[in-house]
PDB file of N, CA and C in Angstrom:
ATOM      1  N   UNK A   1     -50.134 -49.527 184.235  1.00  0.00           N
ATOM      2  CA  UNK A   1     -49.487 -50.290 185.276  1.00  0.00           C
ATOM      3  C   UNK A   1     -48.638 -51.415 184.694  1.00  0.00           C
ATOM      4  N   UNK A   2     -49.158 -52.093 183.670  1.00  0.00           N
ATOM      5  CA  UNK A   2     -48.415 -53.193 183.061  1.00  0.00           C
ATOM      6  C   UNK A   2     -47.156 -52.686 182.367  1.00  0.00           C
ATOM      7  N   UNK A   3     -47.255 -51.531 181.732  1.00  0.00           N
ATOM      8  CA  UNK A   3     -46.095 -50.959 181.047  1.00  0.00           C
ATOM      9  C   UNK A   3     -44.999 -50.645 182.063  1.00  0.00           C
ATOM     10  N   UNK A   4     -45.382 -50.124 183.195  1.00  0.00           N
ATOM     11  CA  UNK A   4     -44.401 -49.830 184.235  1.00  0.00           C
ATOM     12  C   UNK A   4     -43.724 -51.084 184.746  1.00  0.00           C
ATOM     13  N   UNK A   5     -44.489 -52.162 184.871  1.00  0.00           N
ATOM     14  CA  UNK A   5     -43.903 -53.426 185.330  1.00  0.00           C
ATOM     15  C   UNK A   5     -42.920 -53.973 184.305  1.00  0.00           C
ATOM     16  N   UNK A   6     -43.236 -53.819 183.029  1.00  0.00           N
ATOM     17  CA  UNK A   6     -42.327 -54.287 181.976  1.00  0.00           C
ATOM     18  C   UNK A   6     -41.007 -53.521 182.049  1.00  0.00           C
ATOM     19  N   UNK A   7     -41.071 -52.228 182.260  1.00  0.00           N
ATOM     20  CA  UNK A   7     -39.860 -51.415 182.340  1.00  0.00           C
ATOM     21  C   UNK A   7     -38.970 -51.791 183.505  1.00  0.00           C
ATOM     22  N   UNK A   8     -39.559 -51.965 184.665  1.00  0.00           N
ATOM     23  CA  UNK A   8     -38.764 -52.323 185.835  1.00  0.00           C
ATOM     24  C   UNK A   8     -38.257 -53.758 185.759  1.00  0.00           C
ATOM     25  N   UNK A   9     -39.059 -54.652 185.174  1.00  0.00           N
ATOM     26  CA  UNK A   9     -38.624 -56.034 184.999  1.00  0.00           C
ATOM     27  C   UNK A   9     -37.464 -56.124 184.009  1.00  0.00           C
ATOM     28  N   UNK A  10     -37.480 -55.293 182.977  1.00  0.00           N
ATOM     29  CA  UNK A  10     -36.377 -55.284 182.010  1.00  0.00           C
ATOM     30  C   UNK A  10     -35.069 -54.900 182.692  1.00  0.00           C
ATOM     31  N   UNK A  11     -35.107 -53.903 183.556  1.00  0.00           N
ATOM     32  CA  UNK A  11     -33.888 -53.524 184.292  1.00  0.00           C
ATOM     33  C   UNK A  11     -33.402 -54.657 185.189  1.00  0.00           C
ATOM     34  N   UNK A  12     -34.317 -55.344 185.855  1.00  0.00           N
ATOM     35  CA  UNK A  12     -33.920 -56.459 186.723  1.00  0.00           C
ATOM     36  C   UNK A  12     -33.290 -57.586 185.918  1.00  0.00           C
ATOM     37  N   UNK A  13     -33.824 -57.861 184.739  1.00  0.00           N
ATOM     38  CA  UNK A  13     -33.276 -58.934 183.911  1.00  0.00           C
ATOM     39  C   UNK A  13     -31.892 -58.563 183.411  1.00  0.00           C
ATOM     40  N   UNK A  14     -31.701 -57.306 183.019  1.00  0.00           N
ATOM     41  CA  UNK A  14     -30.377 -56.865 182.546  1.00  0.00           C
ATOM     42  C   UNK A  14     -29.349 -56.986 183.666  1.00  0.00           C
ATOM     43  N   UNK A  15     -29.694 -56.532 184.850  1.00  0.00           N
ATOM     44  CA  UNK A  15     -28.746 -56.566 185.962  1.00  0.00           C
ATOM     45  C   UNK A  15     -28.433 -58.003 186.374  1.00  0.00           C
ATOM     46  N   UNK A  16     -29.436 -58.879 186.380  1.00  0.00           N
ATOM     47  CA  UNK A  16     -29.160 -60.269 186.745  1.00  0.00           C
ATOM     48  C   UNK A  16     -28.313 -60.965 185.682  1.00  0.00           C
ATOM     49  N   UNK A  17     -28.536 -60.672 184.404  1.00  0.00           N
ATOM     50  CA  UNK A  17     -27.708 -61.262 183.355  1.00  0.00           C
ATOM     51  C   UNK A  17     -26.282 -60.737 183.438  1.00  0.00           C
ATOM     52  N   UNK A  18     -26.130 -59.464 183.751  1.00  0.00           N
ATOM     53  CA  UNK A  18     -24.796 -58.891 183.919  1.00  0.00           C
ATOM     54  C   UNK A  18     -24.081 -59.522 185.112  1.00  0.00           C
ATOM     55  N   UNK A  19     -24.814 -59.798 186.169  1.00  0.00           N
ATOM     56  CA  UNK A  19     -24.224 -60.445 187.343  1.00  0.00           C
ATOM     57  C   UNK A  19     -23.712 -61.846 187.003  1.00  0.00           C
ATOM     58  N   UNK A  20     -24.482 -62.591 186.237  1.00  0.00           N
ATOM     59  CA  UNK A  20     -24.049 -63.927 185.837  1.00  0.00           C
ATOM     60  C   UNK A  20     -22.850 -63.838 184.895  1.00  0.00           C
ATOM     61  N   UNK A  21     -22.886 -62.894 183.950  1.00  0.00           N
ATOM     62  CA  UNK A  21     -21.786 -62.771 182.985  1.00  0.00           C
ATOM     63  C   UNK A  21     -20.485 -62.348 183.651  1.00  0.00           C
ATOM     64  N   UNK A  22     -20.564 -61.602 184.748  1.00  0.00           N
ATOM     65  CA  UNK A  22     -19.357 -61.149 185.433  1.00  0.00           C
ATOM     66  C   UNK A  22     -19.007 -61.993 186.656  1.00  0.00           C
ATOM     67  N   UNK A  23     -19.673 -63.121 186.820  1.00  0.00           N
ATOM     68  CA  UNK A  23     -19.371 -63.961 187.970  1.00  0.00           C
ATOM     69  C   UNK A  23     -18.010 -64.644 187.799  1.00  0.00           C
ATOM     70  N   UNK A  24     -17.508 -65.204 188.872  1.00  0.00           N
ATOM     71  CA  UNK A  24     -16.146 -65.722 188.906  1.00  0.00           C
ATOM     72  C   UNK A  24     -15.891 -66.858 187.901  1.00  0.00           C
ATOM     73  N   UNK A  25     -16.730 -67.867 187.749  1.00  0.00           N
ATOM     74  CA  UNK A  25     -16.349 -68.900 186.794  1.00  0.00           C
ATOM     75  C   UNK A  25     -16.434 -68.455 185.338  1.00  0.00           C
ATOM     76  N   UNK A  26     -17.185 -67.411 185.049  1.00  0.00           N
ATOM     77  CA  UNK A  26     -17.396 -66.998 183.665  1.00  0.00           C
ATOM     78  C   UNK A  26     -16.366 -65.959 183.243  1.00  0.00           C
ATOM     79  N   UNK A  27     -16.295 -64.861 183.943  1.00  0.00           N
ATOM     80  CA  UNK A  27     -15.420 -63.753 183.557  1.00  0.00           C
ATOM     81  C   UNK A  27     -14.059 -63.876 184.238  1.00  0.00           C
ATOM     82  N   UNK A  28     -13.066 -63.339 183.570  1.00  0.00           N
ATOM     83  CA  UNK A  28     -11.728 -63.322 184.152  1.00  0.00           C
ATOM     84  C   UNK A  28     -11.597 -62.124 185.089  1.00  0.00           C
ATOM     85  N   UNK A  29     -10.541 -62.103 185.850  1.00  0.00           N
ATOM     86  CA  UNK A  29     -10.294 -60.996 186.776  1.00  0.00           C
ATOM     87  C   UNK A  29     -10.133 -59.684 186.007  1.00  0.00           C
ATOM     88  N   UNK A  30      -9.474 -59.739 184.850  1.00  0.00           N
ATOM     89  CA  UNK A  30      -9.257 -58.530 184.043  1.00  0.00           C
ATOM     90  C   UNK A  30     -10.583 -57.935 183.561  1.00  0.00           C
ATOM     91  N   UNK A  31     -11.510 -58.779 183.147  1.00  0.00           N
ATOM     92  CA  UNK A  31     -12.817 -58.298 182.690  1.00  0.00           C
ATOM     93  C   UNK A  31     -13.564 -57.636 183.852  1.00  0.00           C
ATOM     94  N   UNK A  32     -13.495 -58.224 185.013  1.00  0.00           N
ATOM     95  CA  UNK A  32     -14.159 -57.648 186.175  1.00  0.00           C
ATOM     96  C   UNK A  32     -13.559 -56.292 186.544  1.00  0.00           C
ATOM     97  N   UNK A  33     -12.233 -56.171 186.466  1.00  0.00           N
ATOM     98  CA  UNK A  33     -11.577 -54.900 186.790  1.00  0.00           C
ATOM     99  C   UNK A  33     -11.922 -53.832 185.769  1.00  0.00           C
ATOM    100  N   UNK A  34     -11.964 -54.203 184.482  1.00  0.00           N
ATOM    101  CA  UNK A  34     -12.328 -53.232 183.438  1.00  0.00           C
ATOM    102  C   UNK A  34     -13.765 -52.770 183.636  1.00  0.00           C
ATOM    103  N   UNK A  35     -14.676 -53.674 183.975  1.00  0.00           N
ATOM    104  CA  UNK A  35     -16.061 -53.285 184.228  1.00  0.00           C
ATOM    105  C   UNK A  35     -16.150 -52.336 185.414  1.00  0.00           C
ATOM    106  N   UNK A  36     -15.434 -52.627 186.489  1.00  0.00           N
ATOM    107  CA  UNK A  36     -15.472 -51.739 187.657  1.00  0.00           C
ATOM    108  C   UNK A  36     -14.862 -50.373 187.345  1.00  0.00           C
ATOM    109  N   UNK A  37     -13.808 -50.333 186.514  1.00  0.00           N
ATOM    110  CA  UNK A  37     -13.225 -49.046 186.110  1.00  0.00           C
ATOM    111  C   UNK A  37     -14.231 -48.245 185.287  1.00  0.00           C
ATOM    112  N   UNK A  38     -14.957 -48.921 184.400  1.00  0.00           N
ATOM    113  CA  UNK A  38     -15.997 -48.228 183.630  1.00  0.00           C
ATOM    114  C   UNK A  38     -17.092 -47.702 184.555  1.00  0.00           C
ATOM    115  N   UNK A  39     -17.482 -48.497 185.541  1.00  0.00           N
ATOM    116  CA  UNK A  39     -18.514 -48.064 186.478  1.00  0.00           C
ATOM    117  C   UNK A  39     -18.057 -46.852 187.288  1.00  0.00           C
ATOM    118  N   UNK A  40     -16.801 -46.820 187.686  1.00  0.00           N
ATOM    119  CA  UNK A  40     -16.255 -45.657 188.393  1.00  0.00           C
ATOM    120  C   UNK A  40     -16.278 -44.434 187.492  1.00  0.00           C
ATOM    121  N   UNK A  41     -15.930 -44.599 186.215  1.00  0.00           N
ATOM    122  CA  UNK A  41     -15.956 -43.471 185.275  1.00  0.00           C
ATOM    123  C   UNK A  41     -17.374 -42.935 185.106  1.00  0.00           C
ATOM    124  N   UNK A  42     -18.354 -43.824 185.044  1.00  0.00           N
ATOM    125  CA  UNK A  42     -19.749 -43.390 184.914  1.00  0.00           C
ATOM    126  C   UNK A  42     -20.187 -42.615 186.150  1.00  0.00           C
ATOM    127  N   UNK A  43     -19.884 -43.144 187.324  1.00  0.00           N
ATOM    128  CA  UNK A  43     -20.297 -42.472 188.552  1.00  0.00           C
ATOM    129  C   UNK A  43     -19.577 -41.138 188.740  1.00  0.00           C
ATOM    130  N   UNK A  44     -18.303 -41.070 188.370  1.00  0.00           N
ATOM    131  CA  UNK A  44     -17.561 -39.822 188.493  1.00  0.00           C
ATOM    132  C   UNK A  44     -18.113 -38.767 187.530  1.00  0.00           C
ATOM    133  N   UNK A  45     -18.425 -39.178 186.307  1.00  0.00           N
ATOM    134  CA  UNK A  45     -18.924 -38.210 185.334  1.00  0.00           C
ATOM    135  C   UNK A  45     -20.310 -37.714 185.694  1.00  0.00           C
ATOM    136  N   UNK A  46     -21.041 -38.471 186.477  1.00  0.00           N
ATOM    137  CA  UNK A  46     -22.383 -38.069 186.863  1.00  0.00           C
ATOM    138  C   UNK A  46     -22.396 -37.205 188.118  1.00  0.00           C
ATOM    139  N   UNK A  47     -21.308 -37.214 188.889  1.00  0.00           N
ATOM    140  CA  UNK A  47     -21.311 -36.495 190.159  1.00  0.00           C
ATOM    141  C   UNK A  47     -20.407 -35.270 190.190  1.00  0.00           C
ATOM    142  N   UNK A  48     -19.592 -35.057 189.176  1.00  0.00           N
ATOM    143  CA  UNK A  48     -18.651 -33.954 189.189  1.00  0.00           C
ATOM    144  C   UNK A  48     -18.879 -33.090 187.956  1.00  0.00           C
ATOM    145  N   UNK A  49     -18.515 -31.817 188.032  1.00  0.00           N
ATOM    146  CA  UNK A  49     -18.721 -30.910 186.915  1.00  0.00           C
ATOM    147  C   UNK A  49     -17.420 -30.463 186.264  1.00  0.00           C
ATOM    148  N   UNK A  50     -16.300 -31.051 186.606  1.00  0.00           N
ATOM    149  CA  UNK A  50     -15.003 -30.653 186.079  1.00  0.00           C
ATOM    150  C   UNK A  50     -14.823 -31.056 184.624  1.00  0.00           C
ATOM    151  N   UNK A  51     -13.678 -30.672 184.051  1.00  0.00           N
ATOM    152  CA  UNK A  51     -13.430 -30.995 182.643  1.00  0.00           C
ATOM    153  C   UNK A  51     -13.274 -32.494 182.391  1.00  0.00           C
ATOM    154  N   UNK A  52     -12.768 -33.234 183.363  1.00  0.00           N
ATOM    155  CA  UNK A  52     -12.637 -34.677 183.195  1.00  0.00           C
ATOM    156  C   UNK A  52     -14.018 -35.327 183.168  1.00  0.00           C
ATOM    157  N   UNK A  53     -14.919 -34.829 183.980  1.00  0.00           N
ATOM    158  CA  UNK A  53     -16.274 -35.379 183.998  1.00  0.00           C
ATOM    159  C   UNK A  53     -16.971 -35.143 182.665  1.00  0.00           C
ATOM    160  N   UNK A  54     -16.727 -34.000 182.048  1.00  0.00           N
ATOM    161  CA  UNK A  54     -17.296 -33.745 180.730  1.00  0.00           C
ATOM    162  C   UNK A  54     -16.755 -34.699 179.682  1.00  0.00           C
ATOM    163  N   UNK A  55     -15.483 -35.011 179.781  1.00  0.00           N
ATOM    164  CA  UNK A  55     -14.867 -35.964 178.863  1.00  0.00           C
ATOM    165  C   UNK A  55     -15.406 -37.380 179.090  1.00  0.00           C
ATOM    166  N   UNK A  56     -15.654 -37.724 180.345  1.00  0.00           N
ATOM    167  CA  UNK A  56     -16.150 -39.060 180.678  1.00  0.00           C
ATOM    168  C   UNK A  56     -17.660 -39.205 180.495  1.00  0.00           C
ATOM    169  N   UNK A  57     -18.350 -38.148 180.092  1.00  0.00           N
ATOM    170  CA  UNK A  57     -19.801 -38.231 179.890  1.00  0.00           C
ATOM    171  C   UNK A  57     -20.166 -39.235 178.813  1.00  0.00           C
ATOM    172  N   UNK A  58     -19.250 -39.514 177.918  1.00  0.00           N
ATOM    173  CA  UNK A  58     -19.494 -40.507 176.868  1.00  0.00           C
ATOM    174  C   UNK A  58     -19.685 -41.896 177.475  1.00  0.00           C
ATOM    175  N   UNK A  59     -19.098 -42.129 178.629  1.00  0.00           N
ATOM    176  CA  UNK A  59     -19.200 -43.446 179.252  1.00  0.00           C
ATOM    177  C   UNK A  59     -20.616 -43.745 179.759  1.00  0.00           C
ATOM    178  N   UNK A  60     -21.491 -42.743 179.805  1.00  0.00           N
ATOM    179  CA  UNK A  60     -22.864 -42.963 180.261  1.00  0.00           C
ATOM    180  C   UNK A  60     -23.795 -43.434 179.159  1.00  0.00           C
ATOM    181  N   UNK A  61     -23.350 -43.435 177.906  1.00  0.00           N
ATOM    182  CA  UNK A  61     -24.222 -43.797 176.786  1.00  0.00           C
ATOM    183  C   UNK A  61     -24.778 -45.222 176.908  1.00  0.00           C
ATOM    184  N   UNK A  62     -23.985 -46.223 177.308  1.00  0.00           N
ATOM    185  CA  UNK A  62     -24.568 -47.573 177.429  1.00  0.00           C
ATOM    186  C   UNK A  62     -25.664 -47.694 178.488  1.00  0.00           C
ATOM    187  N   UNK A  63     -25.803 -46.715 179.358  1.00  0.00           N
ATOM    188  CA  UNK A  63     -26.852 -46.770 180.378  1.00  0.00           C
ATOM    189  C   UNK A  63     -28.177 -46.168 179.917  1.00  0.00           C
ATOM    190  N   UNK A  64     -28.245 -45.680 178.689  1.00  0.00           N
ATOM    191  CA  UNK A  64     -29.475 -45.062 178.183  1.00  0.00           C
ATOM    192  C   UNK A  64     -30.670 -46.016 178.198  1.00  0.00           C
ATOM    193  N   UNK A  65     -30.525 -47.284 177.776  1.00  0.00           N
ATOM    194  CA  UNK A  65     -31.694 -48.179 177.870  1.00  0.00           C
ATOM    195  C   UNK A  65     -32.158 -48.425 179.300  1.00  0.00           C
ATOM    196  N   UNK A  66     -31.222 -48.499 180.243  1.00  0.00           N
ATOM    197  CA  UNK A  66     -31.614 -48.695 181.644  1.00  0.00           C
ATOM    198  C   UNK A  66     -32.380 -47.482 182.169  1.00  0.00           C
ATOM    199  N   UNK A  67     -31.910 -46.294 181.819  1.00  0.00           N
ATOM    200  CA  UNK A  67     -32.598 -45.079 182.267  1.00  0.00           C
ATOM    201  C   UNK A  67     -33.982 -44.969 181.638  1.00  0.00           C
ATOM    202  N   UNK A  68     -34.097 -45.309 180.358  1.00  0.00           N
ATOM    203  CA  UNK A  68     -35.398 -45.226 179.686  1.00  0.00           C
ATOM    204  C   UNK A  68     -36.372 -46.252 180.249  1.00  0.00           C
ATOM    205  N   UNK A  69     -35.895 -47.475 180.510  1.00  0.00           N
ATOM    206  CA  UNK A  69     -36.770 -48.497 181.096  1.00  0.00           C
ATOM    207  C   UNK A  69     -37.217 -48.100 182.499  1.00  0.00           C
ATOM    208  N   UNK A  70     -36.314 -47.513 183.262  1.00  0.00           N
ATOM    209  CA  UNK A  70     -36.704 -47.037 184.595  1.00  0.00           C
ATOM    210  C   UNK A  70     -37.719 -45.906 184.488  1.00  0.00           C
ATOM    211  N   UNK A  71     -37.522 -45.016 183.509  1.00  0.00           N
ATOM    212  CA  UNK A  71     -38.424 -43.879 183.344  1.00  0.00           C
ATOM    213  C   UNK A  71     -39.832 -44.343 182.988  1.00  0.00           C
ATOM    214  N   UNK A  72     -39.964 -45.242 182.025  1.00  0.00           N
ATOM    215  CA  UNK A  72     -41.342 -45.653 181.741  1.00  0.00           C
ATOM    216  C   UNK A  72     -41.849 -46.666 182.745  1.00  0.00           C
ATOM    217  N   UNK A  73     -40.962 -47.226 183.564  1.00  0.00           N
ATOM    218  CA  UNK A  73     -41.426 -48.010 184.691  1.00  0.00           C
ATOM    219  C   UNK A  73     -41.991 -47.135 185.794  1.00  0.00           C
ATOM    220  N   UNK A  74     -41.412 -45.955 185.947  1.00  0.00           N
ATOM    221  CA  UNK A  74     -41.872 -45.031 186.990  1.00  0.00           C
ATOM    222  C   UNK A  74     -43.108 -44.247 186.569  1.00  0.00           C
ATOM    223  N   UNK A  75     -43.168 -43.863 185.287  1.00  0.00           N
ATOM    224  CA  UNK A  75     -44.290 -43.039 184.831  1.00  0.00           C
ATOM    225  C   UNK A  75     -45.450 -43.862 184.303  1.00  0.00           C
ATOM    226  N   UNK A  76     -45.188 -45.050 183.766  1.00  0.00           N
ATOM    227  CA  UNK A  76     -46.256 -45.881 183.238  1.00  0.00           C
ATOM    228  C   UNK A  76     -46.669 -45.519 181.827  1.00  0.00           C
ATOM    229  N   UNK A  77     -45.948 -44.616 181.182  1.00  0.00           N
ATOM    230  CA  UNK A  77     -46.240 -44.258 179.797  1.00  0.00           C
ATOM    231  C   UNK A  77     -45.043 -44.623 178.926  1.00  0.00           C
ATOM    232  N   UNK A  78     -45.342 -44.975 177.664  1.00  0.00           N
ATOM    233  CA  UNK A  78     -44.283 -45.407 176.768  1.00  0.00           C
ATOM    234  C   UNK A  78     -44.378 -44.651 175.449  1.00  0.00           C
ATOM    235  N   UNK A  79     -43.235 -44.129 175.012  1.00  0.00           N
ATOM    236  CA  UNK A  79     -43.165 -43.464 173.713  1.00  0.00           C
ATOM    237  C   UNK A  79     -42.393 -44.357 172.744  1.00  0.00           C
ATOM    238  N   UNK A  80     -42.209 -43.881 171.510  1.00  0.00           N
ATOM    239  CA  UNK A  80     -41.438 -44.652 170.539  1.00  0.00           C
ATOM    240  C   UNK A  80     -39.985 -44.779 170.965  1.00  0.00           C
ATOM    241  N   UNK A  81     -39.454 -43.752 171.581  1.00  0.00           N
ATOM    242  CA  UNK A  81     -38.082 -43.806 172.083  1.00  0.00           C
ATOM    243  C   UNK A  81     -37.950 -44.886 173.151  1.00  0.00           C
ATOM    244  N   UNK A  82     -38.928 -44.954 174.047  1.00  0.00           N
ATOM    245  CA  UNK A  82     -38.899 -45.978 175.095  1.00  0.00           C
ATOM    246  C   UNK A  82     -39.008 -47.380 174.508  1.00  0.00           C
ATOM    247  N   UNK A  83     -39.809 -47.540 173.469  1.00  0.00           N
ATOM    248  CA  UNK A  83     -39.925 -48.835 172.816  1.00  0.00           C
ATOM    249  C   UNK A  83     -38.606 -49.236 172.164  1.00  0.00           C
ATOM    250  N   UNK A  84     -37.932 -48.279 171.556  1.00  0.00           N
ATOM    251  CA  UNK A  84     -36.621 -48.544 170.964  1.00  0.00           C
ATOM    252  C   UNK A  84     -35.601 -48.914 172.041  1.00  0.00           C
ATOM    253  N   UNK A  85     -35.633 -48.208 173.160  1.00  0.00           N
ATOM    254  CA  UNK A  85     -34.712 -48.519 174.255  1.00  0.00           C
ATOM    255  C   UNK A  85     -35.036 -49.877 174.891  1.00  0.00           C
ATOM    256  N   UNK A  86     -36.314 -50.258 174.924  1.00  0.00           N
ATOM    257  CA  UNK A  86     -36.677 -51.586 175.425  1.00  0.00           C
ATOM    258  C   UNK A  86     -36.133 -52.665 174.501  1.00  0.00           C
ATOM    259  N   UNK A  87     -36.209 -52.444 173.197  1.00  0.00           N
ATOM    260  CA  UNK A  87     -35.631 -53.400 172.244  1.00  0.00           C
ATOM    261  C   UNK A  87     -34.118 -53.481 172.415  1.00  0.00           C
ATOM    262  N   UNK A  88     -33.479 -52.352 172.672  1.00  0.00           N
ATOM    263  CA  UNK A  88     -32.039 -52.351 172.914  1.00  0.00           C
ATOM    264  C   UNK A  88     -31.703 -53.071 174.222  1.00  0.00           C
ATOM    265  N   UNK A  89     -32.562 -52.947 175.221  1.00  0.00           N
ATOM    266  CA  UNK A  89     -32.356 -53.663 176.491  1.00  0.00           C
ATOM    267  C   UNK A  89     -32.462 -55.172 176.277  1.00  0.00           C
ATOM    268  N   UNK A  90     -33.390 -55.607 175.443  1.00  0.00           N
ATOM    269  CA  UNK A  90     -33.492 -57.029 175.117  1.00  0.00           C
ATOM    270  C   UNK A  90     -32.227 -57.476 174.394  1.00  0.00           C
ATOM    271  N   UNK A  91     -31.705 -56.615 173.529  1.00  0.00           N
ATOM    272  CA  UNK A  91     -30.438 -56.915 172.858  1.00  0.00           C
ATOM    273  C   UNK A  91     -29.286 -57.026 173.844  1.00  0.00           C
ATOM    274  N   UNK A  92     -29.292 -56.192 174.886  1.00  0.00           N
ATOM    275  CA  UNK A  92     -28.268 -56.296 175.938  1.00  0.00           C
ATOM    276  C   UNK A  92     -28.318 -57.669 176.601  1.00  0.00           C
ATOM    277  N   UNK A  93     -29.520 -58.137 176.927  1.00  0.00           N
ATOM    278  CA  UNK A  93     -29.661 -59.422 177.614  1.00  0.00           C
ATOM    279  C   UNK A  93     -29.164 -60.553 176.716  1.00  0.00           C
ATOM    280  N   UNK A  94     -29.570 -60.545 175.460  1.00  0.00           N
ATOM    281  CA  UNK A  94     -29.135 -61.595 174.534  1.00  0.00           C
ATOM    282  C   UNK A  94     -27.625 -61.524 174.333  1.00  0.00           C
ATOM    283  N   UNK A  95     -27.099 -60.320 174.148  1.00  0.00           N
ATOM    284  CA  UNK A  95     -25.666 -60.158 173.955  1.00  0.00           C
ATOM    285  C   UNK A  95     -24.863 -60.587 175.170  1.00  0.00           C
ATOM    286  N   UNK A  96     -25.321 -60.239 176.359  1.00  0.00           N
ATOM    287  CA  UNK A  96     -24.616 -60.647 177.576  1.00  0.00           C
ATOM    288  C   UNK A  96     -24.663 -62.160 177.773  1.00  0.00           C
ATOM    289  N   UNK A  97     -25.798 -62.782 177.452  1.00  0.00           N
ATOM    290  CA  UNK A  97     -25.890 -64.231 177.595  1.00  0.00           C
ATOM    291  C   UNK A  97     -24.959 -64.932 176.605  1.00  0.00           C
ATOM    292  N   UNK A  98     -24.897 -64.446 175.371  1.00  0.00           N
ATOM    293  CA  UNK A  98     -23.991 -65.038 174.385  1.00  0.00           C
ATOM    294  C   UNK A  98     -22.532 -64.806 174.769  1.00  0.00           C
ATOM    295  N   UNK A  99     -22.229 -63.632 175.300  1.00  0.00           N
ATOM    296  CA  UNK A  99     -20.874 -63.343 175.742  1.00  0.00           C
ATOM    297  C   UNK A  99     -20.465 -64.244 176.909  1.00  0.00           C
ATOM    298  N   UNK A 100     -21.387 -64.449 177.842  1.00  0.00           N
ATOM    299  CA  UNK A 100     -21.097 -65.337 178.980  1.00  0.00           C
ATOM    300  C   UNK A 100     -20.872 -66.769 178.506  1.00  0.00           C
ATOM    301  N   UNK A 101     -21.669 -67.204 177.532  1.00  0.00           N
ATOM    302  CA  UNK A 101     -21.481 -68.546 176.994  1.00  0.00           C
ATOM    303  C   UNK A 101     -20.122 -68.678 176.309  1.00  0.00           C
ATOM    304  N   UNK A 102     -19.719 -67.647 175.570  1.00  0.00           N
ATOM    305  CA  UNK A 102     -18.417 -67.666 174.897  1.00  0.00           C
ATOM    306  C   UNK A 102     -17.274 -67.686 175.899  1.00  0.00           C
ATOM    307  N   UNK A 103     -17.367 -66.839 176.925  1.00  0.00           N
ATOM    308  CA  UNK A 103     -16.318 -66.791 177.940  1.00  0.00           C
ATOM    309  C   UNK A 103     -16.220 -68.108 178.703  1.00  0.00           C
ATOM    310  N   UNK A 104     -17.373 -68.701 179.014  1.00  0.00           N
ATOM    311  CA  UNK A 104     -17.349 -69.956 179.757  1.00  0.00           C
ATOM    312  C   UNK A 104     -16.779 -71.088 178.906  1.00  0.00           C
ATOM    313  N   UNK A 105     -17.028 -71.069 177.617  1.00  0.00           N
ATOM    314  CA  UNK A 105     -16.476 -72.091 176.736  1.00  0.00           C
ATOM    315  C   UNK A 105     -14.953 -71.963 176.612  1.00  0.00           C
ATOM    316  N   UNK A 106     -14.439 -70.763 176.733  1.00  0.00           N
ATOM    317  CA  UNK A 106     -12.993 -70.548 176.637  1.00  0.00           C
ATOM    318  C   UNK A 106     -12.254 -70.930 177.908  1.00  0.00           C
ATOM    319  N   UNK A 107     -12.944 -70.942 179.037  1.00  0.00           N
ATOM    320  CA  UNK A 107     -12.300 -71.273 180.299  1.00  0.00           C
ATOM    321  C   UNK A 107     -12.030 -72.764 180.376  1.00  0.00           C
ATOM    322  N   UNK A 108     -10.937 -73.132 180.957  1.00  0.00           N
ATOM    323  CA  UNK A 108     -10.595 -74.531 181.148  1.00  0.00           C
ATOM    324  C   UNK A 108     -10.926 -74.892 182.597  1.00  0.00           C
ATOM    325  N   UNK A 109     -12.178 -75.293 182.818  1.00  0.00           N
ATOM    326  CA  UNK A 109     -12.648 -75.574 184.168  1.00  0.00           C
ATOM    327  C   UNK A 109     -13.013 -77.042 184.300  1.00  0.00           C
ATOM    328  N   UNK A 110     -12.764 -77.568 185.455  1.00  0.00           N
ATOM    329  CA  UNK A 110     -13.229 -78.899 185.779  1.00  0.00           C
ATOM    330  C   UNK A 110     -14.417 -78.745 186.726  1.00  0.00           C
ATOM    331  N   UNK A 111     -15.615 -78.847 186.190  1.00  0.00           N
ATOM    332  CA  UNK A 111     -16.810 -78.604 186.984  1.00  0.00           C
ATOM    333  C   UNK A 111     -17.540 -79.908 187.335  1.00  0.00           C
ATOM    334  N   UNK A 112     -16.808 -80.969 187.560  1.00  0.00           N
ATOM    335  CA  UNK A 112     -17.463 -82.241 187.901  1.00  0.00           C
ATOM    336  C   UNK A 112     -17.183 -82.623 189.328  1.00  0.00           C
TER     337      UNK A 112
END
């Protein structure tokens, strides 16, 4: 039960960190549009069987840690692969937080 909670909590932390990193004061409009275009490519490659979807299947690779964390959150069992994906998910959170800090430092905002 605890392993399952760790898996689902990891996904929630990744999504909340991504939300903060892509929020309006941190990310630019271009970054938000590129992220949404990537998300459309992922969803299209997962729902269609055409030749373009096969080409766009590479865009699903960054979602592997999220899928693995959800899987061991749902099943409650963890393998070495799941442990590696959990470590990669922690790396996503740290990387997104550092990226958000870098983007916010580059912005010229008056927040007083």
